[in-house]
Amino acid sequence: MDELEALHQEVRGCTRCPLARGRTLAVPGEGPRSARVMFVGEAPGFHEDRQGRPFVGAAGNFLNELLASIGLKREEVYITNIIKCRPPGNRDPYMDEIEACSPYLDRQVELINPKVIVTLGRYSLAHWLPNAKISQVHGKPIRVGSRVIFPMYHPAAALHQPALKRTVEEDFRKLGAFLAGALKAEEEEPPEEPRQLSLF
């Protein structure tokens, strides 16, 4: 079994925190092992809990539209959440739940090795930039080690606030321009350059 699928199976059987007792299905994440871009949300909602897939409700439909607006297909990116089980009533995740689930996310990042991680919402942002305020850093690529973190508001929040919706759409345009510039730089690299530097 592929290491990533083995990790997904481990998540589906996880009992590290009390959320396991109330879930229908755990939601490990989905996307290709070779994905260069990873999207990390907060937690599964009602529809995700029923289907075992991330971002399949209204926020997922909006995310699909946003991806299409910059020429990306959902099948080309990896999508997951900070925590893998739905909190009761879609409440915010508790810190002990985040701590229990963080090793899964860290292993996903290690296995997929994305060049860009798009954080969706403040809980996702805090995993990489714990002191950052999303209102100040959204739409701005920030290098953290060998990766670029691209913070955004969560699509679910944007659906309920028209001003945020416009902000998210604009931030996605910035993401598209950033990715296009990175890919152009990759194409212009001399052939002898190490390929692991692709995208930057």
Protein backbone atom coordinates (compact mmCIF):
# COMPACT_ATOMS: atom_id res chain seq x y z
CA MET A 1 0.00 0.00 0.00
CA ASP A 2 1.17 3.52 -0.80
CA GLU A 3 2.42 5.40 2.27
CA LEU A 4 -0.13 8.18 1.82
CA GLU A 5 -3.05 5.76 1.51
CA ALA A 6 -1.73 3.89 4.56
CA LEU A 7 -1.80 7.18 6.45
CA HIS A 8 -5.36 7.81 5.26
CA GLN A 9 -6.37 4.40 6.57
CA GLU A 10 -4.74 5.16 9.90
CA VAL A 11 -6.74 8.40 10.14
CA ARG A 12 -9.99 6.55 9.37
CA GLY A 13 -9.41 4.30 12.36
CA CYS A 14 -8.03 6.95 14.69
CA THR A 15 -9.22 7.16 18.33
CA ARG A 16 -6.68 9.71 19.62
CA CYS A 17 -9.33 12.17 20.83
CA PRO A 18 -13.02 12.13 21.84
CA LEU A 19 -14.15 13.36 18.41
CA ALA A 20 -13.76 9.78 17.19
CA ARG A 21 -16.81 8.75 19.22
CA GLY A 22 -19.15 11.20 17.50
CA ARG A 23 -18.04 11.03 13.90
CA THR A 24 -19.69 9.22 11.02
CA LEU A 25 -16.48 9.11 9.00
CA ALA A 26 -13.04 10.56 9.52
CA VAL A 27 -11.86 12.80 6.68
CA PRO A 28 -8.15 12.22 5.98
CA GLY A 29 -7.84 14.36 2.85
CA GLU A 30 -7.61 13.75 -0.87
CA GLY A 31 -5.49 14.58 -3.86
CA PRO A 32 -2.44 13.34 -5.74
CA ARG A 33 0.76 12.36 -4.00
CA SER A 34 2.56 14.63 -6.49
CA ALA A 35 0.50 17.75 -5.69
CA ARG A 36 2.56 20.93 -5.65
CA VAL A 37 -0.17 22.89 -3.89
CA MET A 38 -1.89 21.81 -0.66
CA PHE A 39 -5.00 23.45 0.78
CA VAL A 40 -5.51 23.09 4.53
CA GLY A 41 -8.85 23.99 6.08
CA GLU A 42 -10.14 23.79 9.63
CA ALA A 43 -12.33 20.72 10.20
CA PRO A 44 -14.92 18.57 8.42
CA GLY A 45 -18.51 19.79 8.42
CA PHE A 46 -21.81 17.92 8.13
CA HIS A 47 -21.43 16.78 4.51
CA GLU A 48 -17.75 15.93 4.91
CA ASP A 49 -18.54 13.79 7.96
CA ARG A 50 -21.13 11.85 5.93
CA GLN A 51 -18.96 11.34 2.84
CA GLY A 52 -15.48 11.09 4.34
CA ARG A 53 -14.19 13.69 1.87
CA PRO A 54 -12.98 17.26 2.50
CA PHE A 55 -14.80 20.34 1.22
CA VAL A 56 -17.87 18.74 -0.35
CA GLY A 57 -20.53 21.12 1.04
CA ALA A 58 -21.24 24.73 0.09
CA ALA A 59 -17.71 25.83 1.03
CA GLY A 60 -16.36 23.01 -1.14
CA ASN A 61 -18.41 24.16 -4.12
CA PHE A 62 -17.05 27.67 -3.63
CA LEU A 63 -13.51 26.30 -3.38
CA ASN A 64 -14.01 24.40 -6.64
CA GLU A 65 -15.15 27.64 -8.32
CA LEU A 66 -12.14 29.50 -6.93
CA LEU A 67 -9.75 26.81 -8.19
CA ALA A 68 -11.34 26.93 -11.64
CA SER A 69 -11.00 30.73 -11.68
CA ILE A 70 -7.20 30.38 -11.66
CA GLY A 71 -7.02 27.41 -14.00
CA LEU A 72 -6.61 24.68 -11.39
CA LYS A 73 -8.60 21.47 -11.14
CA ARG A 74 -9.48 19.99 -7.78
CA GLU A 75 -7.79 16.75 -8.89
CA GLU A 76 -4.46 18.59 -9.22
CA VAL A 77 -4.21 19.79 -5.62
CA TYR A 78 -4.25 18.08 -2.23
CA ILE A 79 -7.00 19.14 0.18
CA THR A 80 -7.17 18.37 3.89
CA ASN A 81 -7.97 19.93 7.27
CA ILE A 82 -6.19 20.66 10.53
CA ILE A 83 -8.42 18.13 12.29
CA LYS A 84 -9.89 15.09 10.57
CA CYS A 85 -13.18 14.57 12.45
CA ARG A 86 -16.19 16.86 12.68
CA PRO A 87 -16.53 18.79 15.96
CA PRO A 88 -20.09 18.70 17.40
CA GLY A 89 -22.25 21.41 15.90
CA ASN A 90 -19.34 22.58 13.74
CA ARG A 91 -17.80 24.34 16.74
CA ASP A 92 -14.21 25.55 16.66
CA PRO A 93 -11.58 22.85 17.26
CA TYR A 94 -10.17 22.55 20.78
CA MET A 95 -6.43 22.72 21.28
CA ASP A 96 -6.16 19.12 22.47
CA GLU A 97 -7.97 17.99 19.30
CA ILE A 98 -5.57 19.99 17.15
CA GLU A 99 -2.59 18.56 19.04
CA ALA A 100 -3.91 15.00 18.59
CA CYS A 101 -4.36 15.48 14.86
CA SER A 102 -1.27 17.57 14.05
CA PRO A 103 1.03 14.56 13.53
CA TYR A 104 -1.24 13.38 10.71
CA LEU A 105 -1.02 16.75 8.98
CA ASP A 106 2.74 16.90 9.43
CA ARG A 107 3.09 13.47 7.86
CA GLN A 108 0.84 14.46 4.95
CA VAL A 109 3.07 17.46 4.30
CA GLU A 110 6.17 15.29 4.53
CA LEU A 111 4.83 12.66 2.11
CA ILE A 112 3.35 15.05 -0.46
CA ASN A 113 6.07 17.68 -0.10
CA PRO A 114 4.06 20.57 -1.58
CA LYS A 115 5.82 23.74 -2.63
CA VAL A 116 2.89 25.94 -1.60
CA ILE A 117 0.52 25.44 1.33
CA VAL A 118 -2.64 27.53 1.18
CA THR A 119 -4.05 27.94 4.68
CA LEU A 120 -7.81 28.43 4.83
CA GLY A 121 -8.80 30.17 8.04
CA ARG A 122 -7.02 31.12 11.25
CA TYR A 123 -6.61 27.63 12.72
CA SER A 124 -4.79 26.43 9.64
CA LEU A 125 -2.66 29.58 9.56
CA ALA A 126 -1.71 29.08 13.22
CA HIS A 127 -0.15 25.68 12.47
CA TRP A 128 2.66 27.39 10.54
CA LEU A 129 2.48 31.01 11.73
CA PRO A 130 1.10 30.94 15.29
CA ASN A 131 1.58 34.65 15.92
CA ALA A 132 0.20 35.93 12.62
CA LYS A 133 -3.18 37.63 12.27
CA ILE A 134 -5.11 36.52 9.22
CA SER A 135 -6.46 40.04 8.70
CA GLN A 136 -2.89 41.26 8.21
CA VAL A 137 -1.32 38.44 6.17
CA HIS A 138 -4.08 37.09 3.92
CA GLY A 139 -3.19 37.02 0.23
CA LYS A 140 0.54 37.36 0.92
CA PRO A 141 2.99 34.51 0.23
CA ILE A 142 5.25 33.90 3.23
CA ARG A 143 8.26 31.61 3.08
CA VAL A 144 8.53 29.17 5.98
CA GLY A 145 11.56 26.95 5.56
CA SER A 146 11.51 25.36 2.12
CA ARG A 147 7.81 26.10 1.53
CA VAL A 148 5.61 29.06 0.85
CA ILE A 149 2.57 29.56 3.08
CA PHE A 150 -0.23 31.45 1.34
CA PRO A 151 -2.82 32.51 3.97
CA MET A 152 -6.49 33.00 3.08
CA TYR A 153 -9.79 33.36 4.83
CA HIS A 154 -11.87 30.19 4.99
CA PRO A 155 -14.37 29.84 2.10
CA ALA A 156 -17.17 29.07 4.60
CA ALA A 157 -16.65 32.43 6.34
CA ALA A 158 -16.58 34.16 2.98
CA LEU A 159 -19.96 32.70 2.01
CA HIS A 160 -21.59 34.40 4.99
CA GLN A 161 -19.84 37.77 4.59
CA PRO A 162 -20.02 39.43 1.16
CA ALA A 163 -16.99 41.63 1.87
CA LEU A 164 -14.91 38.56 2.76
CA LYS A 165 -16.12 36.78 -0.38
CA ARG A 166 -14.67 39.56 -2.53
CA THR A 167 -11.45 39.41 -0.50
CA VAL A 168 -11.11 35.65 -0.99
CA GLU A 169 -11.74 35.98 -4.73
CA GLU A 170 -9.05 38.66 -4.95
CA ASP A 171 -6.64 36.58 -2.86
CA PHE A 172 -7.17 33.66 -5.23
CA ARG A 173 -6.28 35.91 -8.15
CA LYS A 174 -3.06 36.75 -6.29
CA LEU A 175 -2.44 33.03 -5.73
CA GLY A 176 -2.95 32.35 -9.43
CA ALA A 177 -0.49 35.08 -10.38
CA PHE A 178 2.03 33.81 -7.85
CA LEU A 179 1.79 30.23 -9.13
CA ALA A 180 2.04 31.37 -12.74
CA GLY A 181 5.17 33.36 -11.94
CA ALA A 182 6.69 30.42 -10.10
CA LEU A 183 5.97 28.05 -12.97
CA LYS A 184 7.43 30.49 -15.49
CA ALA A 185 10.59 30.72 -13.41
CA GLU A 186 10.76 26.92 -13.40
CA GLU A 187 10.44 26.74 -17.19
CA GLU A 188 13.27 29.25 -17.60
CA GLU A 189 15.69 27.27 -15.43
CA PRO A 190 18.69 25.83 -17.28
CA PRO A 191 18.28 22.06 -17.84
CA GLU A 192 21.20 21.24 -15.56
CA GLU A 193 19.53 22.88 -12.57
CA PRO A 194 18.38 20.44 -9.88
CA ARG A 195 14.70 19.66 -10.49
CA GLN A 196 13.87 19.59 -6.80
CA LEU A 197 14.02 23.38 -6.94
CA SER A 198 10.97 23.38 -9.19
CA LEU A 199 8.39 26.13 -8.64
CA PHE A 200 10.97 28.50 -7.16
